[in-house]
Structure formats: structure tokens, C-alpha cells
Amino acid sequence: LAHAGAARVAHNWALARVKAVMDQRAAERSYG
């Protein structure tokens, strides 16, 4: 379970990182 939890933590951290950059780029495009 600890190994499965580690996989989940790495997945969520990387997804949050990718999503934050995508949202930031979308907001910047809306500002012109």
C-alpha cells in the first residue's frame, strides 16, 4: 500500500505541475 501510495503521490504532483503551467499560459493568452 505504501508503494501504491507513492505512485499516486507522484502522479498527482506531476499532474498539478502540468495543469498549473497550462492554466497560466491560457490566462496569459486571454490577457493578450
Full PDB file with SEQRES, HELIX, SHEET, SSBOND, CRYST1, ORIGX, SCALE, CONECT and MASTER records, all heavy atoms in Angstrom:
SEQRES   1 A   32  LEU ALA HIS ALA GLY ALA ALA ARG VAL ALA HIS ASN TRP          
SEQRES   2 A   32  ALA LEU ALA ARG VAL LYS ALA VAL MET ASP GLN ARG ALA          
SEQRES   3 A   32  ALA GLU ARG SER TYR GLY                                      
HELIX    1 AA1 ALA A    2  SER A   30  1                                  29    
CRYST1    1.000    1.000    1.000  90.00  90.00  90.00 P 1           1          
ORIGX1      1.000000  0.000000  0.000000        0.00000                         
ORIGX2      0.000000  1.000000  0.000000        0.00000                         
ORIGX3      0.000000  0.000000  1.000000        0.00000                         
SCALE1      1.000000  0.000000  0.000000        0.00000                         
SCALE2      0.000000  1.000000  0.000000        0.00000                         
SCALE3      0.000000  0.000000  1.000000        0.00000                         
ATOM      1  N   LEU A   1       0.827  -1.205   0.000  1.00  0.00           N  
ATOM      2  CA  LEU A   1       0.000   0.000   0.000  1.00  0.00           C  
ATOM      3  C   LEU A   1       0.866   1.263   0.000  1.00  0.00           C  
ATOM      4  O   LEU A   1       0.505   2.274  -0.611  1.00  0.00           O  
ATOM      5  CB  LEU A   1      -0.924  -0.004   1.217  1.00  0.00           C  
ATOM      6  CG  LEU A   1      -2.166  -0.895   1.120  1.00  0.00           C  
ATOM      7  CD1 LEU A   1      -2.910  -0.925   2.448  1.00  0.00           C  
ATOM      8  CD2 LEU A   1      -3.096  -0.410   0.008  1.00  0.00           C  
ATOM      9  N   ALA A   2       2.012   1.206   0.685  1.00  0.00           N  
ATOM     10  CA  ALA A   2       2.909   2.360   0.682  1.00  0.00           C  
ATOM     11  C   ALA A   2       3.461   2.610  -0.722  1.00  0.00           C  
ATOM     12  O   ALA A   2       3.559   3.762  -1.167  1.00  0.00           O  
ATOM     13  CB  ALA A   2       4.060   2.130   1.667  1.00  0.00           C  
ATOM     14  N   HIS A   3       3.806   1.546  -1.446  1.00  0.00           N  
ATOM     15  CA  HIS A   3       4.290   1.712  -2.816  1.00  0.00           C  
ATOM     16  C   HIS A   3       3.181   2.238  -3.726  1.00  0.00           C  
ATOM     17  O   HIS A   3       3.435   3.107  -4.584  1.00  0.00           O  
ATOM     18  CB  HIS A   3       4.821   0.377  -3.356  1.00  0.00           C  
ATOM     19  CG  HIS A   3       6.195   0.051  -2.885  1.00  0.00           C  
ATOM     20  ND1 HIS A   3       6.480  -0.281  -1.572  1.00  0.00           N  
ATOM     21  CD2 HIS A   3       7.391   0.005  -3.551  1.00  0.00           C  
ATOM     22  CE1 HIS A   3       7.773  -0.521  -1.451  1.00  0.00           C  
ATOM     23  NE2 HIS A   3       8.348  -0.356  -2.639  1.00  0.00           N  
ATOM     24  N   ALA A   4       1.961   1.724  -3.560  1.00  0.00           N  
ATOM     25  CA  ALA A   4       0.850   2.235  -4.365  1.00  0.00           C  
ATOM     26  C   ALA A   4       0.561   3.699  -4.038  1.00  0.00           C  
ATOM     27  O   ALA A   4       0.250   4.499  -4.934  1.00  0.00           O  
ATOM     28  CB  ALA A   4      -0.391   1.376  -4.144  1.00  0.00           C  
ATOM     29  N   GLY A   5       0.682   4.067  -2.757  1.00  0.00           N  
ATOM     30  CA  GLY A   5       0.502   5.466  -2.383  1.00  0.00           C  
ATOM     31  C   GLY A   5       1.583   6.363  -2.956  1.00  0.00           C  
ATOM     32  O   GLY A   5       1.317   7.506  -3.340  1.00  0.00           O  
ATOM     33  N   ALA A   6       2.808   5.845  -3.032  1.00  0.00           N  
ATOM     34  CA  ALA A   6       3.886   6.624  -3.633  1.00  0.00           C  
ATOM     35  C   ALA A   6       3.621   6.875  -5.112  1.00  0.00           C  
ATOM     36  O   ALA A   6       3.893   7.973  -5.629  1.00  0.00           O  
ATOM     37  CB  ALA A   6       5.217   5.891  -3.450  1.00  0.00           C  
ATOM     38  N   ALA A   7       3.086   5.875  -5.795  1.00  0.00           N  
ATOM     39  CA  ALA A   7       2.733   6.074  -7.204  1.00  0.00           C  
ATOM     40  C   ALA A   7       1.653   7.133  -7.359  1.00  0.00           C  
ATOM     41  O   ALA A   7       1.699   7.960  -8.278  1.00  0.00           O  
ATOM     42  CB  ALA A   7       2.273   4.745  -7.815  1.00  0.00           C  
ATOM     43  N   ARG A   8       0.693   7.130  -6.453  1.00  0.00           N  
ATOM     44  CA  ARG A   8      -0.383   8.117  -6.510  1.00  0.00           C  
ATOM     45  C   ARG A   8       0.145   9.526  -6.220  1.00  0.00           C  
ATOM     46  O   ARG A   8      -0.252  10.503  -6.864  1.00  0.00           O  
ATOM     47  CB  ARG A   8      -1.473   7.747  -5.511  1.00  0.00           C  
ATOM     48  CG  ARG A   8      -2.711   8.625  -5.590  1.00  0.00           C  
ATOM     49  CD  ARG A   8      -3.732   8.250  -4.552  1.00  0.00           C  
ATOM     50  NE  ARG A   8      -3.272   8.505  -3.200  1.00  0.00           N  
ATOM     51  CZ  ARG A   8      -2.924   7.581  -2.345  1.00  0.00           C  
ATOM     52  NH1 ARG A   8      -2.983   6.310  -2.681  1.00  0.00           N  
ATOM     53  NH2 ARG A   8      -2.501   7.893  -1.131  1.00  0.00           N  
ATOM     54  N   VAL A   9       1.059   9.654  -5.267  1.00  0.00           N  
ATOM     55  CA  VAL A   9       1.627  10.968  -4.944  1.00  0.00           C  
ATOM     56  C   VAL A   9       2.401  11.534  -6.133  1.00  0.00           C  
ATOM     57  O   VAL A   9       2.270  12.720  -6.487  1.00  0.00           O  
ATOM     58  CB  VAL A   9       2.528  10.847  -3.700  1.00  0.00           C  
ATOM     59  CG1 VAL A   9       3.358  12.106  -3.515  1.00  0.00           C  
ATOM     60  CG2 VAL A   9       1.685  10.593  -2.459  1.00  0.00           C  
ATOM     61  N   ALA A  10       3.215  10.697  -6.759  1.00  0.00           N  
ATOM     62  CA  ALA A  10       3.981  11.170  -7.914  1.00  0.00           C  
ATOM     63  C   ALA A  10       3.053  11.563  -9.059  1.00  0.00           C  
ATOM     64  O   ALA A  10       3.279  12.573  -9.747  1.00  0.00           O  
ATOM     65  CB  ALA A  10       4.958  10.086  -8.366  1.00  0.00           C  
ATOM     66  N   HIS A  11       2.011  10.786  -9.275  1.00  0.00           N  
ATOM     67  CA  HIS A  11       1.051  11.103 -10.342  1.00  0.00           C  
ATOM     68  C   HIS A  11       0.367  12.437 -10.080  1.00  0.00           C  
ATOM     69  O   HIS A  11       0.295  13.309 -10.969  1.00  0.00           O  
ATOM     70  CB  HIS A  11       0.018   9.978 -10.435  1.00  0.00           C  
ATOM     71  CG  HIS A  11      -1.096  10.243 -11.400  1.00  0.00           C  
ATOM     72  ND1 HIS A  11      -2.201  11.010 -11.066  1.00  0.00           N  
ATOM     73  CD2 HIS A  11      -1.283   9.852 -12.684  1.00  0.00           C  
ATOM     74  CE1 HIS A  11      -3.014  11.077 -12.101  1.00  0.00           C  
ATOM     75  NE2 HIS A  11      -2.491  10.388 -13.087  1.00  0.00           N  
ATOM     76  N   ASN A  12      -0.133  12.642  -8.867  1.00  0.00           N  
ATOM     77  CA  ASN A  12      -0.855  13.877  -8.551  1.00  0.00           C  
ATOM     78  C   ASN A  12       0.070  15.096  -8.578  1.00  0.00           C  
ATOM     79  O   ASN A  12      -0.326  16.178  -9.025  1.00  0.00           O  
ATOM     80  CB  ASN A  12      -1.526  13.752  -7.186  1.00  0.00           C  
ATOM     81  CG  ASN A  12      -2.674  12.755  -7.202  1.00  0.00           C  
ATOM     82  OD1 ASN A  12      -3.164  12.378  -8.267  1.00  0.00           O  
ATOM     83  ND2 ASN A  12      -3.099  12.324  -6.035  1.00  0.00           N  
ATOM     84  N   TRP A  13       1.310  14.933  -8.102  1.00  0.00           N  
ATOM     85  CA  TRP A  13       2.231  16.074  -8.123  1.00  0.00           C  
ATOM     86  C   TRP A  13       2.553  16.493  -9.560  1.00  0.00           C  
ATOM     87  O   TRP A  13       2.528  17.690  -9.894  1.00  0.00           O  
ATOM     88  CB  TRP A  13       3.522  15.698  -7.402  1.00  0.00           C  
ATOM     89  CG  TRP A  13       4.570  16.766  -7.514  1.00  0.00           C  
ATOM     90  CD1 TRP A  13       4.725  17.866  -6.718  1.00  0.00           C  
ATOM     91  CD2 TRP A  13       5.596  16.842  -8.514  1.00  0.00           C  
ATOM     92  NE1 TRP A  13       5.790  18.617  -7.153  1.00  0.00           N  
ATOM     93  CE2 TRP A  13       6.338  18.025  -8.254  1.00  0.00           C  
ATOM     94  CE3 TRP A  13       5.967  16.042  -9.591  1.00  0.00           C  
ATOM     95  CZ2 TRP A  13       7.423  18.408  -9.043  1.00  0.00           C  
ATOM     96  CZ3 TRP A  13       7.042  16.428 -10.377  1.00  0.00           C  
ATOM     97  CH2 TRP A  13       7.759  17.592 -10.094  1.00  0.00           C  
ATOM     98  N   ALA A  14       2.848  15.525 -10.409  1.00  0.00           N  
ATOM     99  CA  ALA A  14       3.177  15.858 -11.797  1.00  0.00           C  
ATOM    100  C   ALA A  14       1.970  16.434 -12.533  1.00  0.00           C  
ATOM    101  O   ALA A  14       2.110  17.371 -13.333  1.00  0.00           O  
ATOM    102  CB  ALA A  14       3.693  14.611 -12.519  1.00  0.00           C  
ATOM    103  N   LEU A  15       0.777  15.911 -12.252  1.00  0.00           N  
ATOM    104  CA  LEU A  15      -0.426  16.442 -12.899  1.00  0.00           C  
ATOM    105  C   LEU A  15      -0.686  17.878 -12.457  1.00  0.00           C  
ATOM    106  O   LEU A  15      -1.046  18.737 -13.292  1.00  0.00           O  
ATOM    107  CB  LEU A  15      -1.626  15.549 -12.575  1.00  0.00           C  
ATOM    108  CG  LEU A  15      -2.977  16.002 -13.130  1.00  0.00           C  
ATOM    109  CD1 LEU A  15      -2.922  16.133 -14.649  1.00  0.00           C  
ATOM    110  CD2 LEU A  15      -4.073  15.028 -12.724  1.00  0.00           C  
ATOM    111  N   ALA A  16      -0.508  18.168 -11.177  1.00  0.00           N  
ATOM    112  CA  ALA A  16      -0.704  19.533 -10.695  1.00  0.00           C  
ATOM    113  C   ALA A  16       0.300  20.483 -11.342  1.00  0.00           C  
ATOM    114  O   ALA A  16      -0.043  21.633 -11.686  1.00  0.00           O  
ATOM    115  CB  ALA A  16      -0.579  19.568  -9.171  1.00  0.00           C  
ATOM    116  N   ARG A  17       1.517  20.009 -11.528  1.00  0.00           N  
ATOM    117  CA  ARG A  17       2.537  20.857 -12.157  1.00  0.00           C  
ATOM    118  C   ARG A  17       2.187  21.161 -13.612  1.00  0.00           C  
ATOM    119  O   ARG A  17       2.264  22.319 -14.064  1.00  0.00           O  
ATOM    120  CB  ARG A  17       3.896  20.143 -12.068  1.00  0.00           C  
ATOM    121  CG  ARG A  17       5.046  20.863 -12.735  1.00  0.00           C  
ATOM    122  CD  ARG A  17       6.341  20.137 -12.426  1.00  0.00           C  
ATOM    123  NE  ARG A  17       7.471  20.696 -13.163  1.00  0.00           N  
ATOM    124  CZ  ARG A  17       7.857  20.250 -14.354  1.00  0.00           C  
ATOM    125  NH1 ARG A  17       7.214  19.243 -14.931  1.00  0.00           N  
ATOM    126  NH2 ARG A  17       8.882  20.805 -14.971  1.00  0.00           N  
ATOM    127  N   VAL A  18       1.789  20.133 -14.354  1.00  0.00           N  
ATOM    128  CA  VAL A  18       1.436  20.344 -15.768  1.00  0.00           C  
ATOM    129  C   VAL A  18       0.200  21.211 -15.890  1.00  0.00           C  
ATOM    130  O   VAL A  18       0.131  22.129 -16.723  1.00  0.00           O  
ATOM    131  CB  VAL A  18       1.226  18.974 -16.458  1.00  0.00           C  
ATOM    132  CG1 VAL A  18       0.654  19.158 -17.854  1.00  0.00           C  
ATOM    133  CG2 VAL A  18       2.529  18.205 -16.524  1.00  0.00           C  
ATOM    134  N   LYS A  19      -0.787  20.969 -15.032  1.00  0.00           N  
ATOM    135  CA  LYS A  19      -2.032  21.728 -15.111  1.00  0.00           C  
ATOM    136  C   LYS A  19      -1.819  23.193 -14.747  1.00  0.00           C  
ATOM    137  O   LYS A  19      -2.421  24.103 -15.348  1.00  0.00           O  
ATOM    138  CB  LYS A  19      -3.074  21.098 -14.180  1.00  0.00           C  
ATOM    139  CG  LYS A  19      -4.481  21.620 -14.362  1.00  0.00           C  
ATOM    140  CD  LYS A  19      -5.447  20.818 -13.522  1.00  0.00           C  
ATOM    141  CE  LYS A  19      -6.882  21.273 -13.772  1.00  0.00           C  
ATOM    142  NZ  LYS A  19      -7.075  22.693 -13.479  1.00  0.00           N  
ATOM    143  N   ALA A  20      -0.959  23.464 -13.767  1.00  0.00           N  
ATOM    144  CA  ALA A  20      -0.703  24.848 -13.379  1.00  0.00           C  
ATOM    145  C   ALA A  20      -0.075  25.635 -14.525  1.00  0.00           C  
ATOM    146  O   ALA A  20      -0.448  26.791 -14.791  1.00  0.00           O  
ATOM    147  CB  ALA A  20       0.199  24.879 -12.149  1.00  0.00           C  
ATOM    148  N   VAL A  21       0.868  25.031 -15.218  1.00  0.00           N  
ATOM    149  CA  VAL A  21       1.512  25.721 -16.342  1.00  0.00           C  
ATOM    150  C   VAL A  21       0.521  25.930 -17.480  1.00  0.00           C  
ATOM    151  O   VAL A  21       0.479  27.000 -18.112  1.00  0.00           O  
ATOM    152  CB  VAL A  21       2.743  24.925 -16.812  1.00  0.00           C  
ATOM    153  CG1 VAL A  21       3.332  25.546 -18.068  1.00  0.00           C  
ATOM    154  CG2 VAL A  21       3.787  24.879 -15.710  1.00  0.00           C  
ATOM    155  N   MET A  22      -0.324  24.928 -17.761  1.00  0.00           N  
ATOM    156  CA  MET A  22      -1.312  25.083 -18.831  1.00  0.00           C  
ATOM    157  C   MET A  22      -2.320  26.177 -18.499  1.00  0.00           C  
ATOM    158  O   MET A  22      -2.690  26.988 -19.367  1.00  0.00           O  
ATOM    159  CB  MET A  22      -2.023  23.745 -19.071  1.00  0.00           C  
ATOM    160  CG  MET A  22      -1.142  22.655 -19.648  1.00  0.00           C  
ATOM    161  SD  MET A  22      -2.019  21.099 -19.880  1.00  0.00           S  
ATOM    162  CE  MET A  22      -3.239  21.588 -21.088  1.00  0.00           C  
ATOM    163  N   ASP A  23      -2.785  26.230 -17.235  1.00  0.00           N  
ATOM    164  CA  ASP A  23      -3.725  27.279 -16.837  1.00  0.00           C  
ATOM    165  C   ASP A  23      -3.064  28.657 -16.902  1.00  0.00           C  
ATOM    166  O   ASP A  23      -3.714  29.643 -17.290  1.00  0.00           O  
ATOM    167  CB  ASP A  23      -4.245  27.003 -15.428  1.00  0.00           C  
ATOM    168  CG  ASP A  23      -5.114  25.749 -15.366  1.00  0.00           C  
ATOM    169  OD1 ASP A  23      -5.551  25.297 -16.438  1.00  0.00           O  
ATOM    170  OD2 ASP A  23      -5.328  25.228 -14.262  1.00  0.00           O  
ATOM    171  N   GLN A  24      -1.795  28.738 -16.510  1.00  0.00           N  
ATOM    172  CA  GLN A  24      -1.097  30.019 -16.569  1.00  0.00           C  
ATOM    173  C   GLN A  24      -0.955  30.502 -18.017  1.00  0.00           C  
ATOM    174  O   GLN A  24      -1.176  31.684 -18.315  1.00  0.00           O  
ATOM    175  CB  GLN A  24       0.286  29.874 -15.926  1.00  0.00           C  
ATOM    176  CG  GLN A  24       1.138  31.133 -15.960  1.00  0.00           C  
ATOM    177  CD  GLN A  24       0.563  32.241 -15.109  1.00  0.00           C  
ATOM    178  OE1 GLN A  24      -0.224  31.989 -14.198  1.00  0.00           O  
ATOM    179  NE2 GLN A  24       0.934  33.481 -15.415  1.00  0.00           N  
ATOM    180  N   ARG A  25      -0.633  29.612 -18.923  1.00  0.00           N  
ATOM    181  CA  ARG A  25      -0.494  30.002 -20.326  1.00  0.00           C  
ATOM    182  C   ARG A  25      -1.841  30.410 -20.909  1.00  0.00           C  
ATOM    183  O   ARG A  25      -1.927  31.357 -21.711  1.00  0.00           O  
ATOM    184  CB  ARG A  25       0.105  28.844 -21.124  1.00  0.00           C  
ATOM    185  CG  ARG A  25       1.579  28.592 -20.825  1.00  0.00           C  
ATOM    186  CD  ARG A  25       2.046  27.300 -21.474  1.00  0.00           C  
ATOM    187  NE  ARG A  25       1.928  27.320 -22.917  1.00  0.00           N  
ATOM    188  CZ  ARG A  25       2.858  27.748 -23.751  1.00  0.00           C  
ATOM    189  NH1 ARG A  25       4.014  28.218 -23.249  1.00  0.00           N  
ATOM    190  NH2 ARG A  25       2.686  27.732 -25.052  1.00  0.00           N  
ATOM    191  N   ALA A  26      -2.911  29.721 -20.513  1.00  0.00           N  
ATOM    192  CA  ALA A  26      -4.233  30.097 -21.007  1.00  0.00           C  
ATOM    193  C   ALA A  26      -4.641  31.474 -20.497  1.00  0.00           C  
ATOM    194  O   ALA A  26      -5.239  32.282 -21.236  1.00  0.00           O  
ATOM    195  CB  ALA A  26      -5.257  29.043 -20.585  1.00  0.00           C  
ATOM    196  N   ALA A  27      -4.328  31.749 -19.224  1.00  0.00           N  
ATOM    197  CA  ALA A  27      -4.649  33.076 -18.683  1.00  0.00           C  
ATOM    198  C   ALA A  27      -3.849  34.165 -19.380  1.00  0.00           C  
ATOM    199  O   ALA A  27      -4.379  35.253 -19.683  1.00  0.00           O  
ATOM    200  CB  ALA A  27      -4.383  33.084 -17.182  1.00  0.00           C  
ATOM    201  N   GLU A  28      -2.574  33.911 -19.658  1.00  0.00           N  
ATOM    202  CA  GLU A  28      -1.754  34.910 -20.339  1.00  0.00           C  
ATOM    203  C   GLU A  28      -2.254  35.173 -21.756  1.00  0.00           C  
ATOM    204  O   GLU A  28      -2.224  36.309 -22.244  1.00  0.00           O  
ATOM    205  CB  GLU A  28      -0.296  34.453 -20.357  1.00  0.00           C  
ATOM    206  CG  GLU A  28       0.361  34.448 -18.974  1.00  0.00           C  
ATOM    207  CD  GLU A  28       1.742  33.827 -19.002  1.00  0.00           C  
ATOM    208  OE1 GLU A  28       2.139  33.318 -20.079  1.00  0.00           O  
ATOM    209  OE2 GLU A  28       2.430  33.839 -17.953  1.00  0.00           O  
ATOM    210  N   ARG A  29      -2.726  34.133 -22.421  1.00  0.00           N  
ATOM    211  CA  ARG A  29      -3.277  34.349 -23.757  1.00  0.00           C  
ATOM    212  C   ARG A  29      -4.537  35.213 -23.690  1.00  0.00           C  
ATOM    213  O   ARG A  29      -4.782  36.034 -24.581  1.00  0.00           O  
ATOM    214  CB  ARG A  29      -3.616  33.000 -24.401  1.00  0.00           C  
ATOM    215  CG  ARG A  29      -2.416  32.223 -24.899  1.00  0.00           C  
ATOM    216  CD  ARG A  29      -2.843  31.106 -25.833  1.00  0.00           C  
ATOM    217  NE  ARG A  29      -1.719  30.278 -26.228  1.00  0.00           N  
ATOM    218  CZ  ARG A  29      -1.386  29.151 -25.630  1.00  0.00           C  
ATOM    219  NH1 ARG A  29      -2.079  28.717 -24.584  1.00  0.00           N  
ATOM    220  NH2 ARG A  29      -0.347  28.452 -26.063  1.00  0.00           N  
ATOM    221  N   SER A  30      -5.343  35.018 -22.650  1.00  0.00           N  
ATOM    222  CA  SER A  30      -6.550  35.838 -22.528  1.00  0.00           C  
ATOM    223  C   SER A  30      -6.223  37.307 -22.255  1.00  0.00           C  
ATOM    224  O   SER A  30      -7.036  38.190 -22.555  1.00  0.00           O  
ATOM    225  CB  SER A  30      -7.436  35.294 -21.411  1.00  0.00           C  
ATOM    226  OG  SER A  30      -6.792  35.423 -20.147  1.00  0.00           O  
ATOM    227  N   TYR A  31      -5.026  37.575 -21.704  1.00  0.00           N  
ATOM    228  CA  TYR A  31      -4.612  38.952 -21.466  1.00  0.00           C  
ATOM    229  C   TYR A  31      -3.973  39.591 -22.704  1.00  0.00           C  
ATOM    230  O   TYR A  31      -3.608  40.769 -22.672  1.00  0.00           O  
ATOM    231  CB  TYR A  31      -3.594  39.019 -20.319  1.00  0.00           C  
ATOM    232  CG  TYR A  31      -4.121  38.500 -19.001  1.00  0.00           C  
ATOM    233  CD1 TYR A  31      -3.279  37.920 -18.068  1.00  0.00           C  
ATOM    234  CD2 TYR A  31      -5.479  38.586 -18.697  1.00  0.00           C  
ATOM    235  CE1 TYR A  31      -3.760  37.439 -16.861  1.00  0.00           C  
ATOM    236  CE2 TYR A  31      -5.966  38.104 -17.504  1.00  0.00           C  
ATOM    237  CZ  TYR A  31      -5.109  37.533 -16.588  1.00  0.00           C  
ATOM    238  OH  TYR A  31      -5.594  37.054 -15.398  1.00  0.00           O  
ATOM    239  N   GLY A  32      -3.804  38.804 -23.785  1.00  0.00           N  
ATOM    240  CA  GLY A  32      -3.213  39.331 -24.997  1.00  0.00           C  
ATOM    241  C   GLY A  32      -1.712  39.209 -25.071  1.00  0.00           C  
ATOM    242  O   GLY A  32      -1.073  39.886 -25.885  1.00  0.00           O  
TER     243      GLY A  32                                                      
MASTER        0    0    0    1    0    0    0    6  242    1    0    3          
END                                                                             
